[in-house]
PDB file of N, CA and C in Angstrom:
ATOM      1  N   MET A   1      11.375  62.680  94.764  1.00  0.00           N
ATOM      2  CA  MET A   1      12.779  62.667  94.385  1.00  0.00           C
ATOM      3  C   MET A   1      12.918  62.113  92.980  1.00  0.00           C
ATOM      4  N   ASN A   2      13.941  62.592  92.308  1.00  0.00           N
ATOM      5  CA  ASN A   2      14.186  62.171  90.939  1.00  0.00           C
ATOM      6  C   ASN A   2      15.076  60.944  90.836  1.00  0.00           C
ATOM      7  N   GLY A   3      15.635  60.468  91.939  1.00  0.00           N
ATOM      8  CA  GLY A   3      16.571  59.347  91.897  1.00  0.00           C
ATOM      9  C   GLY A   3      17.994  59.848  91.796  1.00  0.00           C
ATOM     10  N   LEU A   4      18.926  58.929  91.809  1.00  0.00           N
ATOM     11  CA  LEU A   4      20.335  59.272  91.755  1.00  0.00           C
ATOM     12  C   LEU A   4      20.878  59.081  90.358  1.00  0.00           C
ATOM     13  N   VAL A   5      21.799  59.936  89.979  1.00  0.00           N
ATOM     14  CA  VAL A   5      22.488  59.793  88.710  1.00  0.00           C
ATOM     15  C   VAL A   5      23.740  58.973  88.969  1.00  0.00           C
ATOM     16  N   ALA A   6      23.895  57.864  88.287  1.00  0.00           N
ATOM     17  CA  ALA A   6      25.042  56.987  88.498  1.00  0.00           C
ATOM     18  C   ALA A   6      26.228  57.452  87.677  1.00  0.00           C
ATOM     19  N   GLY A   7      27.394  57.035  88.095  1.00  0.00           N
ATOM     20  CA  GLY A   7      28.598  57.293  87.321  1.00  0.00           C
ATOM     21  C   GLY A   7      29.508  58.307  87.975  1.00  0.00           C
ATOM     22  N   ASP A   8      30.730  58.401  87.447  1.00  0.00           N
ATOM     23  CA  ASP A   8      31.704  59.342  87.979  1.00  0.00           C
ATOM     24  C   ASP A   8      31.192  60.763  87.811  1.00  0.00           C
ATOM     25  N   GLY A   9      31.290  61.535  88.888  1.00  0.00           N
ATOM     26  CA  GLY A   9      30.858  62.917  88.839  1.00  0.00           C
ATOM     27  C   GLY A   9      29.358  63.073  88.799  1.00  0.00           C
ATOM     28  N   GLY A  10      28.605  61.993  89.047  1.00  0.00           N
ATOM     29  CA  GLY A  10      27.147  62.071  89.035  1.00  0.00           C
ATOM     30  C   GLY A  10      26.638  62.952  90.154  1.00  0.00           C
ATOM     31  N   TRP A  11      25.397  63.340  90.078  1.00  0.00           N
ATOM     32  CA  TRP A  11      24.799  64.201  91.085  1.00  0.00           C
ATOM     33  C   TRP A  11      23.698  63.460  91.796  1.00  0.00           C
ATOM     34  N   ALA A  12      23.672  63.585  93.088  1.00  0.00           N
ATOM     35  CA  ALA A  12      22.614  62.975  93.883  1.00  0.00           C
ATOM     36  C   ALA A  12      21.330  63.755  93.668  1.00  0.00           C
ATOM     37  N   ALA A  13      20.208  63.134  93.986  1.00  0.00           N
ATOM     38  CA  ALA A  13      18.899  63.726  93.755  1.00  0.00           C
ATOM     39  C   ALA A  13      18.739  65.072  94.441  1.00  0.00           C
ATOM     40  N   TRP A  14      19.377  65.268  95.576  1.00  0.00           N
ATOM     41  CA  TRP A  14      19.202  66.518  96.308  1.00  0.00           C
ATOM     42  C   TRP A  14      20.157  67.605  95.840  1.00  0.00           C
ATOM     43  N   GLY A  15      20.908  67.369  94.771  1.00  0.00           N
ATOM     44  CA  GLY A  15      21.748  68.384  94.176  1.00  0.00           C
ATOM     45  C   GLY A  15      23.188  68.391  94.658  1.00  0.00           C
ATOM     46  N   ALA A  16      23.531  67.540  95.581  1.00  0.00           N
ATOM     47  CA  ALA A  16      24.908  67.473  96.062  1.00  0.00           C
ATOM     48  C   ALA A  16      25.696  66.505  95.193  1.00  0.00           C
ATOM     49  N   PRO A  17      26.991  66.747  95.025  1.00  0.00           N
ATOM     50  CA  PRO A  17      27.782  65.800  94.235  1.00  0.00           C
ATOM     51  C   PRO A  17      27.831  64.429  94.900  1.00  0.00           C
ATOM     52  N   ALA A  18      27.822  63.401  94.096  1.00  0.00           N
ATOM     53  CA  ALA A  18      27.930  62.040  94.615  1.00  0.00           C
ATOM     54  C   ALA A  18      29.326  61.847  95.199  1.00  0.00           C
ATOM     55  N   VAL A  19      29.442  61.076  96.252  1.00  0.00           N
ATOM     56  CA  VAL A  19      30.726  60.775  96.883  1.00  0.00           C
ATOM     57  C   VAL A  19      30.996  59.290  96.707  1.00  0.00           C
ATOM     58  N   ARG A  20      32.165  58.981  96.156  1.00  0.00           N
ATOM     59  CA  ARG A  20      32.565  57.588  95.960  1.00  0.00           C
ATOM     60  C   ARG A  20      33.352  57.142  97.192  1.00  0.00           C
ATOM     61  N   VAL A  21      32.812  56.161  97.905  1.00  0.00           N
ATOM     62  CA  VAL A  21      33.408  55.698  99.155  1.00  0.00           C
ATOM     63  C   VAL A  21      34.036  54.326  98.948  1.00  0.00           C
ATOM     64  N   ALA A  22      35.290  54.205  99.343  1.00  0.00           N
ATOM     65  CA  ALA A  22      35.957  52.905  99.394  1.00  0.00           C
ATOM     66  C   ALA A  22      36.079  52.550 100.872  1.00  0.00           C
ATOM     67  N   ALA A  23      35.861  51.301 101.206  1.00  0.00           N
ATOM     68  CA  ALA A  23      35.930  50.886 102.606  1.00  0.00           C
ATOM     69  C   ALA A  23      36.610  49.532 102.713  1.00  0.00           C
ATOM     70  N   THR A  24      37.353  49.383 103.776  1.00  0.00           N
ATOM     71  CA  THR A  24      38.004  48.110 104.075  1.00  0.00           C
ATOM     72  C   THR A  24      38.252  48.061 105.570  1.00  0.00           C
ATOM     73  N   GLY A  25      38.650  46.922 106.041  1.00  0.00           N
ATOM     74  CA  GLY A  25      38.970  46.776 107.454  1.00  0.00           C
ATOM     75  C   GLY A  25      39.852  45.565 107.664  1.00  0.00           C
ATOM     76  N   ASP A  26      40.258  45.380 108.894  1.00  0.00           N
ATOM     77  CA  ASP A  26      41.064  44.223 109.271  1.00  0.00           C
ATOM     78  C   ASP A  26      42.342  44.109 108.454  1.00  0.00           C
ATOM     79  N   LEU A  27      43.074  45.215 108.326  1.00  0.00           N
ATOM     80  CA  LEU A  27      44.354  45.165 107.609  1.00  0.00           C
ATOM     81  C   LEU A  27      45.394  44.383 108.405  1.00  0.00           C
ATOM     82  N   HIS A  28      45.366  44.492 109.718  1.00  0.00           N
ATOM     83  CA  HIS A  28      46.280  43.765 110.608  1.00  0.00           C
ATOM     84  C   HIS A  28      47.739  43.898 110.182  1.00  0.00           C
ATOM     85  N   VAL A  29      48.155  45.135 109.918  1.00  0.00           N
ATOM     86  CA  VAL A  29      49.535  45.404 109.505  1.00  0.00           C
ATOM     87  C   VAL A  29      50.476  45.108 110.665  1.00  0.00           C
ATOM     88  N   ARG A  30      51.537  44.355 110.380  1.00  0.00           N
ATOM     89  CA  ARG A  30      52.569  44.049 111.379  1.00  0.00           C
ATOM     90  C   ARG A  30      53.862  44.783 111.070  1.00  0.00           C
ATOM     91  N   GLY A  31      54.091  45.052 109.801  1.00  0.00           N
ATOM     92  CA  GLY A  31      55.317  45.736 109.392  1.00  0.00           C
ATOM     93  C   GLY A  31      55.230  46.155 107.942  1.00  0.00           C
ATOM     94  N   SER A  32      56.279  46.789 107.441  1.00  0.00           N
ATOM     95  CA  SER A  32      56.250  47.322 106.075  1.00  0.00           C
ATOM     96  C   SER A  32      56.075  46.230 105.024  1.00  0.00           C
ATOM     97  N   GLU A  33      56.489  44.999 105.343  1.00  0.00           N
ATOM     98  CA  GLU A  33      56.308  43.912 104.368  1.00  0.00           C
ATOM     99  C   GLU A  33      54.833  43.616 104.124  1.00  0.00           C
ATOM    100  N   ASP A  34      53.978  43.882 105.103  1.00  0.00           N
ATOM    101  CA  ASP A  34      52.538  43.662 104.929  1.00  0.00           C
ATOM    102  C   ASP A  34      51.925  44.691 103.989  1.00  0.00           C
ATOM    103  N   CYS A  35      52.572  45.827 103.845  1.00  0.00           N
ATOM    104  CA  CYS A  35      52.017  46.916 103.046  1.00  0.00           C
ATOM    105  C   CYS A  35      52.114  46.652 101.550  1.00  0.00           C
ATOM    106  N   GLN A  36      52.936  45.725 101.156  1.00  0.00           N
ATOM    107  CA  GLN A  36      53.086  45.415  99.741  1.00  0.00           C
ATOM    108  C   GLN A  36      51.882  44.659  99.190  1.00  0.00           C
ATOM    109  N   VAL A  37      51.010  44.187 100.061  1.00  0.00           N
ATOM    110  CA  VAL A  37      49.850  43.430  99.589  1.00  0.00           C
ATOM    111  C   VAL A  37      48.705  44.336  99.170  1.00  0.00           C
ATOM    112  N   VAL A  38      48.891  45.647  99.258  1.00  0.00           N
ATOM    113  CA  VAL A  38      47.820  46.569  98.900  1.00  0.00           C
ATOM    114  C   VAL A  38      48.289  47.560  97.823  1.00  0.00           C
ATOM    115  N   PRO A  39      48.790  47.054  96.686  1.00  0.00           N
ATOM    116  CA  PRO A  39      49.292  47.967  95.656  1.00  0.00           C
ATOM    117  C   PRO A  39      48.192  48.815  95.025  1.00  0.00           C
ATOM    118  N   GLU A  40      46.954  48.382  95.128  1.00  0.00           N
ATOM    119  CA  GLU A  40      45.848  49.126  94.531  1.00  0.00           C
ATOM    120  C   GLU A  40      45.630  50.477  95.196  1.00  0.00           C
ATOM    121  N   LEU A  41      46.141  50.672  96.393  1.00  0.00           N
ATOM    122  CA  LEU A  41      45.935  51.933  97.099  1.00  0.00           C
ATOM    123  C   LEU A  41      46.506  53.118  96.343  1.00  0.00           C
ATOM    124  N   SER A  42      47.601  52.932  95.633  1.00  0.00           N
ATOM    125  CA  SER A  42      48.221  54.060  94.937  1.00  0.00           C
ATOM    126  C   SER A  42      47.340  54.609  93.817  1.00  0.00           C
ATOM    127  N   ASN A  43      46.413  53.817  93.296  1.00  0.00           N
ATOM    128  CA  ASN A  43      45.495  54.276  92.244  1.00  0.00           C
ATOM    129  C   ASN A  43      44.076  54.496  92.760  1.00  0.00           C
ATOM    130  N   LEU A  44      43.874  54.301  94.045  1.00  0.00           N
ATOM    131  CA  LEU A  44      42.526  54.378  94.593  1.00  0.00           C
ATOM    132  C   LEU A  44      41.888  55.751  94.397  1.00  0.00           C
ATOM    133  N   HIS A  45      42.699  56.810  94.421  1.00  0.00           N
ATOM    134  CA  HIS A  45      42.160  58.163  94.280  1.00  0.00           C
ATOM    135  C   HIS A  45      41.457  58.380  92.937  1.00  0.00           C
ATOM    136  N   THR A  46      41.699  57.531  91.958  1.00  0.00           N
ATOM    137  CA  THR A  46      41.016  57.663  90.671  1.00  0.00           C
ATOM    138  C   THR A  46      39.639  56.995  90.687  1.00  0.00           C
ATOM    139  N   ARG A  47      39.375  56.186  91.726  1.00  0.00           N
ATOM    140  CA  ARG A  47      38.105  55.452  91.788  1.00  0.00           C
ATOM    141  C   ARG A  47      37.259  55.789  93.014  1.00  0.00           C
ATOM    142  N   ALA A  48      37.829  56.545  93.965  1.00  0.00           N
ATOM    143  CA  ALA A  48      37.099  56.860  95.187  1.00  0.00           C
ATOM    144  C   ALA A  48      37.454  58.265  95.652  1.00  0.00           C
ATOM    145  N   ASP A  49      36.562  58.848  96.429  1.00  0.00           N
ATOM    146  CA  ASP A  49      36.784  60.189  96.977  1.00  0.00           C
ATOM    147  C   ASP A  49      37.246  60.144  98.427  1.00  0.00           C
ATOM    148  N   VAL A  50      36.963  59.053  99.111  1.00  0.00           N
ATOM    149  CA  VAL A  50      37.347  58.892 100.509  1.00  0.00           C
ATOM    150  C   VAL A  50      37.513  57.404 100.799  1.00  0.00           C
ATOM    151  N   LEU A  51      38.438  57.093 101.703  1.00  0.00           N
ATOM    152  CA  LEU A  51      38.665  55.716 102.130  1.00  0.00           C
ATOM    153  C   LEU A  51      38.318  55.610 103.607  1.00  0.00           C
ATOM    154  N   ILE A  52      37.469  54.662 103.937  1.00  0.00           N
ATOM    155  CA  ILE A  52      37.085  54.404 105.323  1.00  0.00           C
ATOM    156  C   ILE A  52      37.730  53.084 105.738  1.00  0.00           C
ATOM    157  N   ILE A  53      38.463  53.099 106.850  1.00  0.00           N
ATOM    158  CA  ILE A  53      39.064  51.882 107.404  1.00  0.00           C
ATOM    159  C   ILE A  53      38.270  51.539 108.660  1.00  0.00           C
ATOM    160  N   THR A  54      37.677  50.376 108.665  1.00  0.00           N
ATOM    161  CA  THR A  54      36.754  50.011 109.750  1.00  0.00           C
ATOM    162  C   THR A  54      37.404  49.120 110.798  1.00  0.00           C
ATOM    163  N   GLY A  55      38.524  49.563 111.324  1.00  0.00           N
ATOM    164  CA  GLY A  55      39.132  48.884 112.461  1.00  0.00           C
ATOM    165  C   GLY A  55      40.244  47.921 112.135  1.00  0.00           C
ATOM    166  N   ASP A  56      41.037  47.666 113.148  1.00  0.00           N
ATOM    167  CA  ASP A  56      42.164  46.737 113.084  1.00  0.00           C
ATOM    168  C   ASP A  56      43.129  47.067 111.955  1.00  0.00           C
ATOM    169  N   LEU A  57      43.617  48.294 111.979  1.00  0.00           N
ATOM    170  CA  LEU A  57      44.673  48.670 111.046  1.00  0.00           C
ATOM    171  C   LEU A  57      45.935  47.877 111.348  1.00  0.00           C
ATOM    172  N   THR A  58      46.150  47.586 112.633  1.00  0.00           N
ATOM    173  CA  THR A  58      47.374  46.911 113.058  1.00  0.00           C
ATOM    174  C   THR A  58      47.051  45.587 113.738  1.00  0.00           C
ATOM    175  N   GLU A  59      48.079  44.776 113.887  1.00  0.00           N
ATOM    176  CA  GLU A  59      47.902  43.476 114.535  1.00  0.00           C
ATOM    177  C   GLU A  59      47.897  43.591 116.057  1.00  0.00           C
ATOM    178  N   ASN A  60      48.816  44.418 116.587  1.00  0.00           N
ATOM    179  CA  ASN A  60      48.961  44.476 118.041  1.00  0.00           C
ATOM    180  C   ASN A  60      48.953  45.880 118.623  1.00  0.00           C
ATOM    181  N   GLY A  61      48.640  46.887 117.814  1.00  0.00           N
ATOM    182  CA  GLY A  61      48.577  48.250 118.326  1.00  0.00           C
ATOM    183  C   GLY A  61      49.922  48.877 118.607  1.00  0.00           C
ATOM    184  N   ARG A  62      50.977  48.342 118.036  1.00  0.00           N
ATOM    185  CA  ARG A  62      52.311  48.904 118.242  1.00  0.00           C
ATOM    186  C   ARG A  62      52.500  50.131 117.361  1.00  0.00           C
ATOM    187  N   VAL A  63      53.265  51.101 117.857  1.00  0.00           N
ATOM    188  CA  VAL A  63      53.519  52.319 117.093  1.00  0.00           C
ATOM    189  C   VAL A  63      54.243  51.992 115.789  1.00  0.00           C
ATOM    190  N   ALA A  64      55.165  51.035 115.809  1.00  0.00           N
ATOM    191  CA  ALA A  64      55.866  50.636 114.578  1.00  0.00           C
ATOM    192  C   ALA A  64      54.884  50.100 113.540  1.00  0.00           C
ATOM    193  N   GLU A  65      53.866  49.385 113.994  1.00  0.00           N
ATOM    194  CA  GLU A  65      52.830  48.886 113.079  1.00  0.00           C
ATOM    195  C   GLU A  65      52.009  50.054 112.537  1.00  0.00           C
ATOM    196  N   ALA A  66      51.723  51.031 113.390  1.00  0.00           N
ATOM    197  CA  ALA A  66      50.975  52.214 112.948  1.00  0.00           C
ATOM    198  C   ALA A  66      51.783  52.992 111.912  1.00  0.00           C
ATOM    199  N   GLU A  67      53.101  53.057 112.092  1.00  0.00           N
ATOM    200  CA  GLU A  67      53.955  53.731 111.114  1.00  0.00           C
ATOM    201  C   GLU A  67      53.877  53.048 109.756  1.00  0.00           C
ATOM    202  N   ALA A  68      53.895  51.728 109.741  1.00  0.00           N
ATOM    203  CA  ALA A  68      53.790  50.981 108.480  1.00  0.00           C
ATOM    204  C   ALA A  68      52.417  51.187 107.851  1.00  0.00           C
ATOM    205  N   ALA A  69      51.370  51.161 108.671  1.00  0.00           N
ATOM    206  CA  ALA A  69      50.014  51.393 108.160  1.00  0.00           C
ATOM    207  C   ALA A  69      49.880  52.813 107.609  1.00  0.00           C
ATOM    208  N   ALA A  70      50.459  53.785 108.309  1.00  0.00           N
ATOM    209  CA  ALA A  70      50.393  55.182 107.866  1.00  0.00           C
ATOM    210  C   ALA A  70      51.081  55.359 106.520  1.00  0.00           C
ATOM    211  N   GLU A  71      52.227  54.719 106.365  1.00  0.00           N
ATOM    212  CA  GLU A  71      52.955  54.794 105.095  1.00  0.00           C
ATOM    213  C   GLU A  71      52.103  54.240 103.957  1.00  0.00           C
ATOM    214  N   THR A  72      51.431  53.145 104.215  1.00  0.00           N
ATOM    215  CA  THR A  72      50.573  52.532 103.205  1.00  0.00           C
ATOM    216  C   THR A  72      49.383  53.423 102.873  1.00  0.00           C
ATOM    217  N   LEU A  73      48.723  53.947 103.895  1.00  0.00           N
ATOM    218  CA  LEU A  73      47.533  54.765 103.679  1.00  0.00           C
ATOM    219  C   LEU A  73      47.866  56.087 103.010  1.00  0.00           C
ATOM    220  N   ALA A  74      49.046  56.624 103.253  1.00  0.00           N
ATOM    221  CA  ALA A  74      49.465  57.868 102.594  1.00  0.00           C
ATOM    222  C   ALA A  74      49.551  57.686 101.085  1.00  0.00           C
ATOM    223  N   ALA A  75      49.847  56.466 100.644  1.00  0.00           N
ATOM    224  CA  ALA A  75      49.953  56.187  99.204  1.00  0.00           C
ATOM    225  C   ALA A  75      48.603  56.295  98.499  1.00  0.00           C
ATOM    226  N   ALA A  76      47.512  56.258  99.250  1.00  0.00           N
ATOM    227  CA  ALA A  76      46.177  56.309  98.642  1.00  0.00           C
ATOM    228  C   ALA A  76      45.883  57.674  98.025  1.00  0.00           C
ATOM    229  N   ARG A  77      46.524  58.717  98.515  1.00  0.00           N
ATOM    230  CA  ARG A  77      46.362  60.083  97.994  1.00  0.00           C
ATOM    231  C   ARG A  77      44.914  60.551  97.953  1.00  0.00           C
ATOM    232  N   LEU A  78      44.166  60.242  99.019  1.00  0.00           N
ATOM    233  CA  LEU A  78      42.804  60.730  99.186  1.00  0.00           C
ATOM    234  C   LEU A  78      42.513  60.763 100.682  1.00  0.00           C
ATOM    235  N   PRO A  79      41.463  61.465 101.090  1.00  0.00           N
ATOM    236  CA  PRO A  79      41.155  61.509 102.523  1.00  0.00           C
ATOM    237  C   PRO A  79      40.879  60.110 103.070  1.00  0.00           C
ATOM    238  N   VAL A  80      41.426  59.846 104.259  1.00  0.00           N
ATOM    239  CA  VAL A  80      41.248  58.556 104.919  1.00  0.00           C
ATOM    240  C   VAL A  80      40.664  58.804 106.309  1.00  0.00           C
ATOM    241  N   VAL A  81      39.595  58.077 106.608  1.00  0.00           N
ATOM    242  CA  VAL A  81      38.995  58.103 107.937  1.00  0.00           C
ATOM    243  C   VAL A  81      39.139  56.701 108.497  1.00  0.00           C
ATOM    244  N   ALA A  82      39.719  56.599 109.686  1.00  0.00           N
ATOM    245  CA  ALA A  82      39.954  55.287 110.295  1.00  0.00           C
ATOM    246  C   ALA A  82      39.248  55.197 111.638  1.00  0.00           C
ATOM    247  N   ILE A  83      38.554  54.101 111.836  1.00  0.00           N
ATOM    248  CA  ILE A  83      37.945  53.782 113.124  1.00  0.00           C
ATOM    249  C   ILE A  83      38.860  52.745 113.764  1.00  0.00           C
ATOM    250  N   LEU A  84      39.310  53.017 114.973  1.00  0.00           N
ATOM    251  CA  LEU A  84      40.208  52.077 115.636  1.00  0.00           C
ATOM    252  C   LEU A  84      39.454  50.828 116.039  1.00  0.00           C
ATOM    253  N   GLY A  85      40.105  49.684 115.867  1.00  0.00           N
ATOM    254  CA  GLY A  85      39.513  48.410 116.255  1.00  0.00           C
ATOM    255  C   GLY A  85      40.157  47.865 117.513  1.00  0.00           C
ATOM    256  N   ASN A  86      39.702  46.714 117.940  1.00  0.00           N
ATOM    257  CA  ASN A  86      40.206  46.141 119.189  1.00  0.00           C
ATOM    258  C   ASN A  86      41.709  45.858 119.135  1.00  0.00           C
ATOM    259  N   HIS A  87      42.250  45.496 117.989  1.00  0.00           N
ATOM    260  CA  HIS A  87      43.690  45.254 117.890  1.00  0.00           C
ATOM    261  C   HIS A  87      44.462  46.562 118.023  1.00  0.00           C
ATOM    262  N   ASP A  88      43.926  47.646 117.444  1.00  0.00           N
ATOM    263  CA  ASP A  88      44.579  48.953 117.548  1.00  0.00           C
ATOM    264  C   ASP A  88      44.533  49.468 118.983  1.00  0.00           C
ATOM    265  N   LEU A  89      43.458  49.183 119.673  1.00  0.00           N
ATOM    266  CA  LEU A  89      43.279  49.678 121.033  1.00  0.00           C
ATOM    267  C   LEU A  89      44.138  48.941 122.055  1.00  0.00           C
ATOM    268  N   ARG A  90      44.885  47.939 121.617  1.00  0.00           N
ATOM    269  CA  ARG A  90      45.839  47.263 122.500  1.00  0.00           C
ATOM    270  C   ARG A  90      47.045  48.148 122.796  1.00  0.00           C
ATOM    271  N   SER A  91      47.180  49.233 122.020  1.00  0.00           N
ATOM    272  CA  SER A  91      48.341  50.102 122.151  1.00  0.00           C
ATOM    273  C   SER A  91      48.460  50.669 123.553  1.00  0.00           C
ATOM    274  N   LEU A  92      49.663  50.594 124.093  1.00  0.00           N
ATOM    275  CA  LEU A  92      49.951  51.206 125.383  1.00  0.00           C
ATOM    276  C   LEU A  92      50.314  52.677 125.191  1.00  0.00           C
ATOM    277  N   ARG A  93      50.550  53.066 123.942  1.00  0.00           N
ATOM    278  CA  ARG A  93      50.923  54.447 123.616  1.00  0.00           C
ATOM    279  C   ARG A  93      49.899  55.014 122.642  1.00  0.00           C
ATOM    280  N   ARG A  94      48.654  55.114 123.095  1.00  0.00           N
ATOM    281  CA  ARG A  94      47.561  55.522 122.194  1.00  0.00           C
ATOM    282  C   ARG A  94      47.770  56.885 121.563  1.00  0.00           C
ATOM    283  N   ALA A  95      48.265  57.851 122.317  1.00  0.00           N
ATOM    284  CA  ALA A  95      48.471  59.185 121.749  1.00  0.00           C
ATOM    285  C   ALA A  95      49.501  59.131 120.619  1.00  0.00           C
ATOM    286  N   ALA A  96      50.589  58.423 120.817  1.00  0.00           N
ATOM    287  CA  ALA A  96      51.611  58.285 119.777  1.00  0.00           C
ATOM    288  C   ALA A  96      51.063  57.514 118.579  1.00  0.00           C
ATOM    289  N   PHE A  97      50.259  56.496 118.844  1.00  0.00           N
ATOM    290  CA  PHE A  97      49.631  55.698 117.796  1.00  0.00           C
ATOM    291  C   PHE A  97      48.774  56.608 116.906  1.00  0.00           C
ATOM    292  N   ARG A  98      47.908  57.410 117.543  1.00  0.00           N
ATOM    293  CA  ARG A  98      47.028  58.323 116.805  1.00  0.00           C
ATOM    294  C   ARG A  98      47.828  59.348 116.019  1.00  0.00           C
ATOM    295  N   ARG A  99      48.817  59.960 116.684  1.00  0.00           N
ATOM    296  CA  ARG A  99      49.626  60.998 116.026  1.00  0.00           C
ATOM    297  C   ARG A  99      50.334  60.450 114.792  1.00  0.00           C
ATOM    298  N   THR A 100      50.782  59.212 114.865  1.00  0.00           N
ATOM    299  CA  THR A 100      51.458  58.584 113.734  1.00  0.00           C
ATOM    300  C   THR A 100      50.542  58.543 112.515  1.00  0.00           C
ATOM    301  N   LEU A 101      49.296  58.184 112.720  1.00  0.00           N
ATOM    302  CA  LEU A 101      48.328  58.130 111.620  1.00  0.00           C
ATOM    303  C   LEU A 101      47.923  59.538 111.185  1.00  0.00           C
ATOM    304  N   GLU A 102      47.683  60.409 112.152  1.00  0.00           N
ATOM    305  CA  GLU A 102      47.239  61.776 111.839  1.00  0.00           C
ATOM    306  C   GLU A 102      48.321  62.558 111.096  1.00  0.00           C
ATOM    307  N   ARG A 103      49.576  62.234 111.340  1.00  0.00           N
ATOM    308  CA  ARG A 103      50.693  62.930 110.689  1.00  0.00           C
ATOM    309  C   ARG A 103      50.629  62.801 109.169  1.00  0.00           C
ATOM    310  N   VAL A 104      50.061  61.701 108.658  1.00  0.00           N
ATOM    311  CA  VAL A 104      49.947  61.523 107.199  1.00  0.00           C
ATOM    312  C   VAL A 104      48.548  61.885 106.705  1.00  0.00           C
ATOM    313  N   GLY A 105      47.739  62.497 107.578  1.00  0.00           N
ATOM    314  CA  GLY A 105      46.432  62.973 107.159  1.00  0.00           C
ATOM    315  C   GLY A 105      45.268  62.049 107.438  1.00  0.00           C
ATOM    316  N   VAL A 106      45.506  60.944 108.129  1.00  0.00           N
ATOM    317  CA  VAL A 106      44.413  60.033 108.466  1.00  0.00           C
ATOM    318  C   VAL A 106      43.599  60.641 109.607  1.00  0.00           C
ATOM    319  N   GLU A 107      42.307  60.752 109.422  1.00  0.00           N
ATOM    320  CA  GLU A 107      41.433  61.213 110.498  1.00  0.00           C
ATOM    321  C   GLU A 107      41.043  59.996 111.321  1.00  0.00           C
ATOM    322  N   VAL A 108      41.434  59.984 112.579  1.00  0.00           N
ATOM    323  CA  VAL A 108      41.216  58.836 113.446  1.00  0.00           C
ATOM    324  C   VAL A 108      39.991  59.081 114.308  1.00  0.00           C
ATOM    325  N   LEU A 109      39.052  58.151 114.237  1.00  0.00           N
ATOM    326  CA  LEU A 109      37.853  58.214 115.071  1.00  0.00           C
ATOM    327  C   LEU A 109      37.992  57.199 116.199  1.00  0.00           C
ATOM    328  N   ASP A 110      37.795  57.659 117.399  1.00  0.00           N
ATOM    329  CA  ASP A 110      37.864  56.792 118.561  1.00  0.00           C
ATOM    330  C   ASP A 110      36.716  57.208 119.467  1.00  0.00           C
ATOM    331  N   GLY A 111      35.510  56.788 119.093  1.00  0.00           N
ATOM    332  CA  GLY A 111      34.320  57.179 119.831  1.00  0.00           C
ATOM    333  C   GLY A 111      33.697  58.469 119.326  1.00  0.00           C
ATOM    334  N   GLY A 112      34.260  59.056 118.279  1.00  0.00           N
ATOM    335  CA  GLY A 112      33.744  60.315 117.730  1.00  0.00           C
ATOM    336  C   GLY A 112      33.081  60.096 116.378  1.00  0.00           C
ATOM    337  N   SER A 113      32.872  61.185 115.683  1.00  0.00           N
ATOM    338  CA  SER A 113      32.260  61.123 114.353  1.00  0.00           C
ATOM    339  C   SER A 113      32.862  62.209 113.477  1.00  0.00           C
ATOM    340  N   THR A 114      32.559  62.147 112.200  1.00  0.00           N
ATOM    341  CA  THR A 114      33.022  63.153 111.246  1.00  0.00           C
ATOM    342  C   THR A 114      32.015  63.277 110.123  1.00  0.00           C
ATOM    343  N   THR A 115      32.113  64.324 109.376  1.00  0.00           N
ATOM    344  CA  THR A 115      31.263  64.522 108.195  1.00  0.00           C
ATOM    345  C   THR A 115      32.141  64.379 106.963  1.00  0.00           C
ATOM    346  N   VAL A 116      31.701  63.546 106.043  1.00  0.00           N
ATOM    347  CA  VAL A 116      32.451  63.323 104.797  1.00  0.00           C
ATOM    348  C   VAL A 116      31.799  64.126 103.702  1.00  0.00           C
TER     349      VAL A 116
END
């Protein structure tokens, strides 16, 4: 192998374009006021190609919390893949919780996988 080319738009050794991954977790969103603490999301698309959320998007798994999280994640303007965490799984309305996130384009993983 020739190694990886670093930098924006670089190419991996196997000839595929490099993918810039941003990752975070434990957002614990309770309401829209919590979403103001992540202003960097609106510019994230200039520094990353995909955002991975590694669980606990919400504090208690409430649909209202998922709505606030979805609004925040939509501002990122790039593909978002979210793995549900134990706080998210507290939801008594899991289908509605998932649909709320999926409605803004978040791909929700709950025991599944995806290709980025």
